[in-house]
Every structure is written in C-alpha cells, then in structure tokens.
Amino acid sequence: MIIYQDEYIVAINKPAGLLVHASLIDKHETQNALQILRNFLGRVVYPVHRLDKPTSGVLVFGLSSDSAKKLSEAFMNRDVEKKYLGLVRGFTEEFGVINHPLKDLWDKMTDKKKSKLQEAREAITEYRLLEKVEIDVPVRPHPTSRYSLLEITPLTGRNRQIRRHMKHIFHHMIGDHQHGDGFHNRMLSEKYGLNRLMLHAKELTFTHPATGDKMTLKADLDIDFMSLLFKLGLKTIGIA
C-alpha cells in the first residue's frame, strides 16, 4: 500500500472503492485511507489532496502540519502534475484539450450552506491516446463496441473533473455509475467482469516540501484494472 515514505511525507497506492477520509455522504463506510494509514504508522497523518472513492492511485499525506500545508498550497497553485490512466467509450482523437467550466458539485448533506446558483469555474483537462480497441459485441445502437485507453492530465482540480469532462465530449469513463454510459458498463460487467471505475492516478510530480527536490511518485495498476485491459486486447498497460 505504501509506495513512498520519509520523515516528512508518506504516499500510498489507494485501492478503488476506499474513501480518503470519513464522510457524511458514506456514513455506512467503516474504513478510510486516512484512518488505516494512521493505525498502520501509529502516528497522525495529514491529508493533502483527495481522490474520488472509486478512483485508485497515488495519494499523498503529510507527516507534519507544516509539510501538509506546503503540499496543499502546491496543489492549490497548480504546481503539481497529475497523470491518470483511463478507459473510455469510443475512439478519441490522438490528443485533446477539454476546456469546459464546471460548477462545484452540491450535496444536500454536506453543503447545506452553499448556493446552488454558483458560477462555473475554469476546468481544463488534457489527454493523449495510448491505444484503442474494437470488439465484436454490440451495444446499442452500434454493432460493435469501441474503447480508448488514455493518459489524462487534469490541469485544474474540480470535483470529478475527469469523469465529467469525458462525459462532456461523449467519451464516458468506463465503470462510472454517476457520469458514465450504463449500456457499456452493463455489458462489460456481464461479459468481462468489470467491477470498478477504470480511472487510476498513476503518477504525481511535485516539489518535496522540505528538501525542495523535484520528485515523481508512481502507482501500479491493480489486478482488476489490468485484467479488463487484457480481456479487451489492450496491451499498453501502465505506460510511462
């Protein structure tokens, strides 16, 4: 689970389906990455950023409030480069930039004081095509099914930005039950064992809060992600 640790920071490869920290939205969940890591290390750890519950990959925590503060500021100032691996519906362009403002998602349980009339904020996502595949399984209204494996770089950090942006360009994230394509998700679940959101935070590059060194942390794909790619005939797994 731990992919890097020193006296200032610790990073884990968060599994899909695990909350970063306790949430009112998922009150029934008894485990979260923050608490598991605290118990394992036997010390306080400080959250710096977040990944959606169904997304796996690199997640960094501070081991002091000062380190956490510096890293949080780096994320806010867009001084952190994030790279994801994602599987989407259809054949995308070789390269693309999605510049589409997004409103913050409003939740009636946790955001009672927020206004639903808020303005959409700048949101930019870049992607490049790694590999594509077409399989002879119909999903209406098409006689075959097409998929693209992408390296995705969000330049801003809005709620569920990648998933919402891919929906915006009609290349829905596979396994996304909130913004995805239910017909493809159902077929892939029944025929190929899809059981997770096919989005993985594979790489994080940032400046170390204490040493000032530039560092890149990488997280391997889990067996479920790799298995679906293999079953579909995609060979580009975990490309750098």
Protein backbone atom coordinates (compact mmCIF):
# COMPACT_ATOMS: atom_id res chain seq x y z
CA MET A 1 0.00 0.00 0.00
CA ILE A 2 2.81 2.46 0.92
CA ILE A 3 4.82 3.49 -2.15
CA TYR A 4 6.99 6.18 -0.53
CA GLN A 5 7.80 7.39 2.98
CA ASP A 6 10.32 9.69 4.63
CA GLU A 7 10.16 11.82 7.78
CA TYR A 8 8.02 14.49 6.08
CA ILE A 9 5.55 12.75 3.76
CA VAL A 10 4.02 9.36 3.02
CA ALA A 11 2.31 8.20 -0.17
CA ILE A 12 0.08 5.21 -0.79
CA ASN A 13 -1.49 3.45 -3.74
CA LYS A 14 -5.14 3.90 -2.77
CA PRO A 15 -7.39 1.00 -3.79
CA ALA A 16 -10.55 1.68 -5.77
CA GLY A 17 -13.61 1.85 -3.52
CA LEU A 18 -11.79 3.27 -0.48
CA LEU A 19 -12.66 6.71 0.88
CA VAL A 20 -9.78 9.12 1.53
CA HIS A 21 -11.32 10.12 4.86
CA ALA A 22 -14.60 9.70 6.74
CA SER A 23 -17.55 11.34 5.01
CA LEU A 24 -21.17 12.10 5.85
CA ILE A 25 -22.06 11.02 2.33
CA ASP A 26 -20.85 7.46 3.06
CA LYS A 27 -21.72 7.15 6.73
CA HIS A 28 -22.02 3.36 6.44
CA GLU A 29 -18.34 3.05 5.42
CA THR A 30 -16.23 1.99 8.38
CA GLN A 31 -12.82 2.29 6.72
CA ASN A 32 -10.94 5.09 5.02
CA ALA A 33 -7.37 5.59 3.86
CA LEU A 34 -6.56 8.23 6.47
CA GLN A 35 -7.57 6.06 9.41
CA ILE A 36 -5.96 2.90 8.03
CA LEU A 37 -2.67 4.75 7.49
CA ARG A 38 -2.78 6.33 10.96
CA ASN A 39 -3.31 2.93 12.57
CA PHE A 40 -0.56 1.33 10.49
CA LEU A 41 2.04 4.01 11.20
CA GLY A 42 0.93 4.65 14.75
CA ARG A 43 1.04 8.40 14.26
CA VAL A 44 -1.00 11.32 12.98
CA VAL A 45 -1.03 11.87 9.22
CA TYR A 46 -2.43 14.92 7.45
CA PRO A 47 -4.50 14.82 4.24
CA VAL A 48 -3.15 16.94 1.40
CA HIS A 49 -5.41 16.22 -1.58
CA ARG A 50 -8.10 13.72 -2.48
CA LEU A 51 -9.10 11.04 -4.93
CA ASP A 52 -12.71 10.08 -5.58
CA LYS A 53 -13.78 6.91 -3.77
CA PRO A 54 -13.90 4.76 -6.95
CA THR A 55 -10.55 6.06 -8.27
CA SER A 56 -7.31 4.26 -7.39
CA GLY A 57 -3.72 5.51 -7.36
CA VAL A 58 -1.19 7.86 -5.82
CA LEU A 59 -2.39 9.60 -2.66
CA VAL A 60 -0.01 11.76 -0.59
CA PHE A 61 -0.24 12.69 3.10
CA GLY A 62 1.89 14.99 5.22
CA LEU A 63 3.56 13.66 8.33
CA SER A 64 3.50 17.12 9.89
CA SER A 65 1.09 20.02 9.66
CA ASP A 66 3.81 22.15 8.04
CA SER A 67 4.54 19.60 5.29
CA ALA A 68 0.83 19.15 4.66
CA LYS A 69 0.29 22.90 4.42
CA LYS A 70 3.08 23.33 1.85
CA LEU A 71 1.83 20.46 -0.27
CA SER A 72 -1.77 21.64 -0.09
CA GLU A 73 -0.66 25.05 -1.32
CA ALA A 74 1.22 23.40 -4.20
CA PHE A 75 -1.97 21.63 -5.27
CA MET A 76 -3.98 24.84 -4.98
CA ASN A 77 -1.38 26.77 -7.00
CA ARG A 78 -1.30 24.06 -9.71
CA ASP A 79 2.34 23.29 -9.02
CA VAL A 80 1.64 19.55 -9.03
CA GLU A 81 1.49 17.50 -12.23
CA LYS A 82 -1.06 14.68 -12.16
CA LYS A 83 -1.28 11.87 -14.70
CA TYR A 84 -4.10 9.34 -14.85
CA LEU A 85 -4.77 6.23 -16.87
CA GLY A 86 -8.36 5.90 -18.02
CA LEU A 87 -10.51 3.72 -20.25
CA VAL A 88 -13.29 5.50 -22.14
CA ARG A 89 -16.07 4.65 -24.58
CA GLY A 90 -15.42 5.21 -28.29
CA PHE A 91 -12.35 6.19 -30.31
CA THR A 92 -10.92 9.54 -29.20
CA GLU A 93 -8.59 11.88 -31.07
CA GLU A 94 -4.84 11.29 -30.73
CA PHE A 95 -4.58 14.34 -28.46
CA GLY A 96 -7.19 16.58 -26.95
CA VAL A 97 -7.78 19.51 -24.60
CA ILE A 98 -11.13 19.85 -22.86
CA ASN A 99 -11.68 23.43 -21.70
CA HIS A 100 -15.13 23.35 -20.17
CA PRO A 101 -16.02 25.23 -16.94
CA LEU A 102 -17.60 23.15 -14.18
CA LYS A 103 -19.70 24.04 -11.19
CA ASP A 104 -18.73 22.56 -7.83
CA LEU A 105 -20.94 19.58 -7.10
CA TRP A 106 -23.53 20.39 -4.46
CA ASP A 107 -24.55 17.81 -1.85
CA LYS A 108 -27.62 18.32 0.31
CA MET A 109 -25.97 16.61 3.30
CA THR A 110 -22.59 18.33 3.42
CA ASP A 111 -23.09 21.59 1.53
CA LYS A 112 -26.28 23.00 3.06
CA LYS A 113 -24.80 26.49 3.29
CA LYS A 114 -23.55 26.59 -0.31
CA SER A 115 -25.52 28.31 -3.01
CA LYS A 116 -26.79 26.23 -5.92
CA LEU A 117 -26.51 29.38 -8.05
CA GLN A 118 -22.70 29.42 -8.03
CA GLU A 119 -20.80 30.23 -11.20
CA ALA A 120 -19.00 27.51 -13.14
CA ARG A 121 -15.23 27.67 -12.67
CA GLU A 122 -12.39 27.12 -15.12
CA ALA A 123 -11.69 23.43 -15.73
CA ILE A 124 -9.11 22.11 -18.20
CA THR A 125 -8.17 18.51 -18.96
CA GLU A 126 -5.62 17.24 -21.48
CA TYR A 127 -5.44 13.70 -22.82
CA ARG A 128 -3.49 11.59 -25.27
CA LEU A 129 -4.49 8.30 -26.83
CA LEU A 130 -2.34 5.32 -25.85
CA GLU A 131 -4.25 2.53 -27.55
CA LYS A 132 -7.69 1.70 -28.92
CA VAL A 133 -9.65 -1.48 -29.48
CA GLU A 134 -12.87 -2.58 -31.17
CA ILE A 135 -14.66 -5.74 -30.05
CA ASP A 136 -17.42 -7.68 -31.79
CA VAL A 137 -20.00 -7.17 -29.08
CA PRO A 138 -22.95 -4.90 -29.89
CA VAL A 139 -24.01 -2.14 -27.54
CA ARG A 140 -26.94 -0.20 -28.90
CA PRO A 141 -27.16 1.49 -31.25
CA HIS A 142 -23.82 0.18 -32.62
CA PRO A 143 -22.98 -3.34 -33.90
CA THR A 144 -19.56 -3.30 -32.20
CA SER A 145 -18.01 -1.66 -29.14
CA ARG A 146 -15.04 0.70 -29.26
CA TYR A 147 -12.77 1.76 -26.41
CA SER A 148 -9.78 4.07 -25.95
CA LEU A 149 -7.06 3.85 -23.31
CA LEU A 150 -5.91 7.35 -22.40
CA GLU A 151 -3.25 9.15 -20.42
CA ILE A 152 -5.15 12.02 -18.84
CA THR A 153 -3.69 15.17 -17.28
CA PRO A 154 -6.08 17.46 -15.38
CA LEU A 155 -4.69 21.00 -15.24
CA THR A 156 -7.31 22.08 -12.70
CA GLY A 157 -8.88 20.20 -9.80
CA ARG A 158 -12.66 20.40 -9.92
CA ASN A 159 -14.99 17.79 -8.42
CA ARG A 160 -14.93 14.63 -10.56
CA GLN A 161 -13.36 16.73 -13.29
CA ILE A 162 -12.04 13.94 -15.49
CA ARG A 163 -15.26 11.94 -15.36
CA ARG A 164 -17.44 14.97 -16.10
CA HIS A 165 -15.16 16.21 -18.88
CA MET A 166 -15.12 12.82 -20.62
CA LYS A 167 -18.90 12.75 -20.48
CA HIS A 168 -18.92 16.27 -21.97
CA ILE A 169 -17.09 15.03 -25.10
CA PHE A 170 -19.22 11.84 -25.25
CA HIS A 171 -16.34 9.53 -24.31
CA HIS A 172 -17.71 8.37 -20.97
CA MET A 173 -15.39 6.77 -18.40
CA ILE A 174 -15.90 3.04 -18.23
CA GLY A 175 -17.24 1.84 -14.89
CA ASP A 176 -18.54 5.29 -13.94
CA HIS A 177 -22.01 4.85 -12.45
CA GLN A 178 -22.60 8.58 -11.97
CA HIS A 179 -21.42 10.11 -15.26
CA GLY A 180 -20.86 7.05 -17.46
CA ASP A 181 -22.70 5.00 -20.07
CA GLY A 182 -24.89 2.39 -18.40
CA PHE A 183 -25.21 0.21 -21.52
CA HIS A 184 -21.44 -0.24 -21.86
CA ASN A 185 -20.94 -0.65 -18.12
CA ARG A 186 -23.59 -3.38 -18.00
CA MET A 187 -22.19 -5.28 -20.98
CA LEU A 188 -18.61 -5.11 -19.70
CA SER A 189 -19.72 -6.23 -16.25
CA GLU A 190 -21.67 -9.22 -17.58
CA LYS A 191 -19.20 -10.39 -20.24
CA TYR A 192 -15.80 -9.22 -18.98
CA GLY A 193 -16.11 -8.89 -15.20
CA LEU A 194 -15.92 -5.08 -14.97
CA ASN A 195 -16.17 -4.25 -11.27
CA ARG A 196 -14.62 -0.82 -10.84
CA LEU A 197 -14.20 2.66 -12.29
CA MET A 198 -11.48 2.44 -14.92
CA LEU A 199 -9.60 5.51 -13.73
CA HIS A 200 -6.22 5.33 -11.99
CA ALA A 201 -3.98 8.13 -10.70
CA LYS A 202 -0.76 6.64 -11.97
CA GLU A 203 1.75 9.45 -11.40
CA LEU A 204 2.26 12.57 -9.28
CA THR A 205 5.13 15.05 -9.73
CA PHE A 206 5.75 17.77 -7.15
CA THR A 207 8.39 19.61 -5.16
CA HIS A 208 9.26 17.98 -1.83
CA PRO A 209 8.03 20.30 0.96
CA ALA A 210 11.24 20.00 3.00
CA THR A 211 14.13 19.31 0.59
CA GLY A 212 12.88 21.26 -2.42
CA ASP A 213 13.72 18.31 -4.68
CA LYS A 214 11.51 17.52 -7.63
CA MET A 215 10.06 14.06 -7.21
CA THR A 216 7.72 11.76 -9.10
CA LEU A 217 5.71 9.03 -7.41
CA LYS A 218 4.11 6.22 -9.41
CA ALA A 219 1.41 3.70 -8.52
CA ASP A 220 0.98 0.34 -10.24
CA LEU A 221 -2.36 -0.77 -11.64
CA ASP A 222 -4.32 -3.31 -9.63
CA ILE A 223 -5.22 -6.76 -10.94
CA ASP A 224 -8.84 -5.83 -11.75
CA PHE A 225 -7.79 -2.90 -13.95
CA MET A 226 -5.10 -4.92 -15.73
CA SER A 227 -7.41 -7.90 -16.16
CA LEU A 228 -10.05 -5.91 -18.04
CA LEU A 229 -7.45 -4.34 -20.33
CA PHE A 230 -6.08 -7.80 -21.09
CA LYS A 231 -9.53 -9.27 -21.76
CA LEU A 232 -10.30 -6.46 -24.21
CA GLY A 233 -6.99 -7.00 -26.01
CA LEU A 234 -5.30 -3.79 -24.86
CA LYS A 235 -1.55 -4.24 -24.43
CA THR A 236 -0.43 -0.79 -23.31
CA ILE A 237 -0.53 -1.28 -19.55
CA GLY A 238 0.96 1.28 -17.19
CA ILE A 239 2.85 3.11 -19.96
CA ALA A 240 5.21 5.78 -18.60
